[in-house]
Amino acid sequence: MSSTTYDGIVYNGQIRLLTDVHLPDQTRVYVTVADSVQRPVMRIVTPQLVHSEQAVDFQKQMVEDEPDASL
């Protein structure tokens, strides 16, 4: 089975070939979609300290609570 490649673009759900090619009715074709369309990448921005010595201001202190038997 031989094959030929034609470039095309989809307009209103129909594939339009970029070259003037006539294909007979009921010609079997295979469609490969190129990865040229890039989907937007989601980026979550987190706050960053300008000066690393400020990290001391954000230290957490663990405090263990005594169990309360009266609950």
N, C-alpha and C. Protein backbone atom coordinates (compact mmCIF):
# COMPACT_ATOMS: atom_id res chain seq x y z
N MET A 1 0.86 -1.18 0.00
CA MET A 1 0.00 0.00 0.00
C MET A 1 0.90 1.23 0.00
N SER A 2 0.74 2.08 -0.98
CA SER A 2 1.52 3.31 -1.04
C SER A 2 0.73 4.44 -0.38
N SER A 3 1.44 5.49 0.00
CA SER A 3 0.76 6.62 0.64
C SER A 3 1.43 7.92 0.21
N THR A 4 0.64 8.97 0.24
CA THR A 4 1.11 10.31 -0.08
C THR A 4 0.64 11.24 1.02
N THR A 5 1.45 12.21 1.39
CA THR A 5 1.11 13.13 2.47
C THR A 5 0.73 14.49 1.90
N TYR A 6 -0.39 15.03 2.37
CA TYR A 6 -0.84 16.37 2.00
C TYR A 6 -1.07 17.17 3.28
N ASP A 7 -0.68 18.43 3.26
CA ASP A 7 -0.96 19.31 4.39
C ASP A 7 -2.37 19.87 4.25
N GLY A 8 -3.02 20.05 5.39
CA GLY A 8 -4.36 20.62 5.37
C GLY A 8 -4.67 21.33 6.66
N ILE A 9 -5.78 22.04 6.67
CA ILE A 9 -6.23 22.79 7.84
C ILE A 9 -7.72 22.49 8.02
N VAL A 10 -8.17 22.45 9.25
CA VAL A 10 -9.58 22.20 9.54
C VAL A 10 -10.32 23.53 9.60
N TYR A 11 -11.37 23.66 8.78
CA TYR A 11 -12.25 24.82 8.78
C TYR A 11 -13.67 24.34 9.04
N ASN A 12 -14.27 24.83 10.11
CA ASN A 12 -15.65 24.46 10.44
C ASN A 12 -15.85 22.95 10.46
N GLY A 13 -14.87 22.24 11.02
CA GLY A 13 -14.99 20.79 11.17
C GLY A 13 -14.66 19.99 9.92
N GLN A 14 -14.29 20.63 8.82
CA GLN A 14 -13.94 19.92 7.59
C GLN A 14 -12.49 20.16 7.27
N ILE A 15 -11.81 19.12 6.78
CA ILE A 15 -10.40 19.23 6.43
C ILE A 15 -10.29 19.81 5.02
N ARG A 16 -9.53 20.89 4.91
CA ARG A 16 -9.27 21.52 3.62
C ARG A 16 -7.79 21.34 3.30
N LEU A 17 -7.49 20.70 2.17
CA LEU A 17 -6.10 20.52 1.77
C LEU A 17 -5.53 21.83 1.27
N LEU A 18 -4.25 22.07 1.57
CA LEU A 18 -3.61 23.32 1.18
C LEU A 18 -3.23 23.33 -0.31
N THR A 19 -3.12 22.16 -0.91
CA THR A 19 -2.81 22.07 -2.33
C THR A 19 -4.07 21.70 -3.09
N ASP A 20 -4.10 21.99 -4.37
CA ASP A 20 -5.26 21.68 -5.19
C ASP A 20 -5.18 20.22 -5.63
N VAL A 21 -5.76 19.36 -4.83
CA VAL A 21 -5.71 17.92 -5.08
C VAL A 21 -7.13 17.42 -5.20
N HIS A 22 -7.37 16.58 -6.21
CA HIS A 22 -8.69 15.96 -6.36
C HIS A 22 -8.57 14.50 -5.97
N LEU A 23 -9.31 14.11 -4.96
CA LEU A 23 -9.35 12.71 -4.53
C LEU A 23 -10.72 12.15 -4.91
N PRO A 24 -10.76 10.99 -5.53
CA PRO A 24 -12.04 10.41 -5.91
C PRO A 24 -12.88 10.07 -4.68
N ASP A 25 -14.20 10.05 -4.86
CA ASP A 25 -15.10 9.68 -3.77
C ASP A 25 -14.75 8.29 -3.26
N GLN A 26 -14.95 8.10 -1.97
CA GLN A 26 -14.71 6.85 -1.25
C GLN A 26 -13.24 6.45 -1.23
N THR A 27 -12.35 7.43 -1.39
CA THR A 27 -10.92 7.16 -1.23
C THR A 27 -10.62 7.04 0.25
N ARG A 28 -9.92 5.98 0.63
CA ARG A 28 -9.57 5.78 2.04
C ARG A 28 -8.41 6.72 2.38
N VAL A 29 -8.59 7.49 3.45
CA VAL A 29 -7.54 8.41 3.90
C VAL A 29 -7.30 8.18 5.39
N TYR A 30 -6.12 8.54 5.83
CA TYR A 30 -5.74 8.48 7.24
C TYR A 30 -5.35 9.89 7.67
N VAL A 31 -5.86 10.33 8.79
CA VAL A 31 -5.60 11.69 9.26
C VAL A 31 -4.69 11.61 10.47
N THR A 32 -3.57 12.31 10.41
CA THR A 32 -2.64 12.43 11.53
C THR A 32 -2.65 13.89 11.97
N VAL A 33 -2.93 14.13 13.23
CA VAL A 33 -2.98 15.49 13.75
C VAL A 33 -1.60 15.85 14.30
N ALA A 34 -1.05 16.93 13.80
CA ALA A 34 0.27 17.38 14.25
C ALA A 34 0.17 18.00 15.63
N ASP A 35 1.23 17.92 16.38
CA ASP A 35 1.26 18.48 17.73
C ASP A 35 1.65 19.94 17.72
N SER A 36 1.35 20.65 16.65
CA SER A 36 1.75 22.05 16.57
C SER A 36 0.92 22.96 17.47
N VAL A 37 -0.27 22.51 17.86
CA VAL A 37 -1.10 23.31 18.75
C VAL A 37 -0.68 23.02 20.18
N GLN A 38 -0.16 24.02 20.83
CA GLN A 38 0.29 23.84 22.20
C GLN A 38 -0.82 24.26 23.15
N ARG A 39 -1.09 23.40 24.07
CA ARG A 39 -2.08 23.73 25.09
C ARG A 39 -1.43 24.60 26.16
N PRO A 40 -2.18 25.53 26.70
CA PRO A 40 -1.58 26.40 27.73
C PRO A 40 -1.16 25.59 28.94
N VAL A 41 0.00 25.92 29.46
CA VAL A 41 0.54 25.23 30.62
C VAL A 41 0.11 26.00 31.87
N MET A 42 -0.47 25.27 32.81
CA MET A 42 -0.91 25.90 34.05
C MET A 42 0.32 26.10 34.93
N ARG A 43 0.46 27.27 35.46
CA ARG A 43 1.61 27.58 36.32
C ARG A 43 1.10 28.15 37.62
N ILE A 44 1.50 27.54 38.71
CA ILE A 44 1.12 28.02 40.03
C ILE A 44 2.33 28.75 40.61
N VAL A 45 2.16 30.03 40.81
CA VAL A 45 3.26 30.86 41.31
C VAL A 45 3.18 30.90 42.83
N THR A 46 4.29 30.64 43.49
CA THR A 46 4.33 30.69 44.94
C THR A 46 5.20 31.87 45.36
N PRO A 47 4.90 32.45 46.51
CA PRO A 47 5.72 33.57 46.96
C PRO A 47 7.14 33.11 47.30
N GLN A 48 8.08 33.95 47.01
CA GLN A 48 9.48 33.66 47.31
C GLN A 48 10.08 34.83 48.07
N LEU A 49 10.98 34.49 48.95
CA LEU A 49 11.64 35.53 49.75
C LEU A 49 12.77 36.16 48.94
N VAL A 50 12.89 37.46 49.06
CA VAL A 50 13.97 38.16 48.39
C VAL A 50 15.29 37.86 49.10
N HIS A 51 15.24 37.85 50.43
CA HIS A 51 16.44 37.58 51.22
C HIS A 51 16.22 36.29 52.00
N SER A 52 17.10 35.33 51.80
CA SER A 52 16.92 34.01 52.44
C SER A 52 16.98 34.09 53.96
N GLU A 53 17.61 35.11 54.51
CA GLU A 53 17.68 35.22 55.98
C GLU A 53 16.31 35.53 56.58
N GLN A 54 15.34 35.93 55.78
CA GLN A 54 13.99 36.18 56.28
C GLN A 54 13.23 34.88 56.56
N ALA A 55 13.75 33.75 56.18
CA ALA A 55 13.08 32.47 56.40
C ALA A 55 12.89 32.19 57.88
N VAL A 56 13.74 32.76 58.73
CA VAL A 56 13.61 32.57 60.17
C VAL A 56 12.27 33.11 60.67
N ASP A 57 11.75 34.15 60.03
CA ASP A 57 10.47 34.73 60.44
C ASP A 57 9.29 33.78 60.22
N PHE A 58 9.49 32.75 59.42
CA PHE A 58 8.40 31.84 59.08
C PHE A 58 8.56 30.45 59.70
N GLN A 59 9.44 30.31 60.67
CA GLN A 59 9.62 29.02 61.34
C GLN A 59 8.37 28.70 62.16
N LYS A 60 8.01 27.42 62.15
CA LYS A 60 6.85 26.99 62.92
C LYS A 60 7.30 26.38 64.23
N GLN A 61 6.48 26.52 65.23
CA GLN A 61 6.78 25.96 66.53
C GLN A 61 5.69 24.94 66.84
N MET A 62 6.11 23.71 67.16
CA MET A 62 5.16 22.65 67.48
C MET A 62 4.85 22.69 68.97
N VAL A 63 3.56 22.71 69.27
CA VAL A 63 3.11 22.69 70.66
C VAL A 63 2.18 21.50 70.80
N GLU A 64 2.54 20.56 71.67
CA GLU A 64 1.68 19.41 71.89
C GLU A 64 0.67 19.73 72.97
N ASP A 65 -0.56 19.41 72.68
CA ASP A 65 -1.64 19.69 73.59
C ASP A 65 -1.89 18.45 74.45
N GLU A 66 -2.10 18.66 75.73
CA GLU A 66 -2.41 17.56 76.63
C GLU A 66 -3.85 17.09 76.38
N PRO A 67 -4.08 15.79 76.32
CA PRO A 67 -5.45 15.31 76.12
C PRO A 67 -6.33 15.75 77.29
N ASP A 68 -7.53 16.20 76.98
CA ASP A 68 -8.46 16.67 77.98
C ASP A 68 -9.52 15.57 78.19
N ALA A 69 -9.47 14.92 79.37
CA ALA A 69 -10.38 13.82 79.64
C ALA A 69 -11.79 14.28 79.91
N SER A 70 -11.99 15.57 80.14
CA SER A 70 -13.32 16.06 80.47
C SER A 70 -14.22 16.20 79.25
N LEU A 71 -13.69 16.04 78.05
CA LEU A 71 -14.52 16.18 76.85
C LEU A 71 -15.34 14.98 76.69
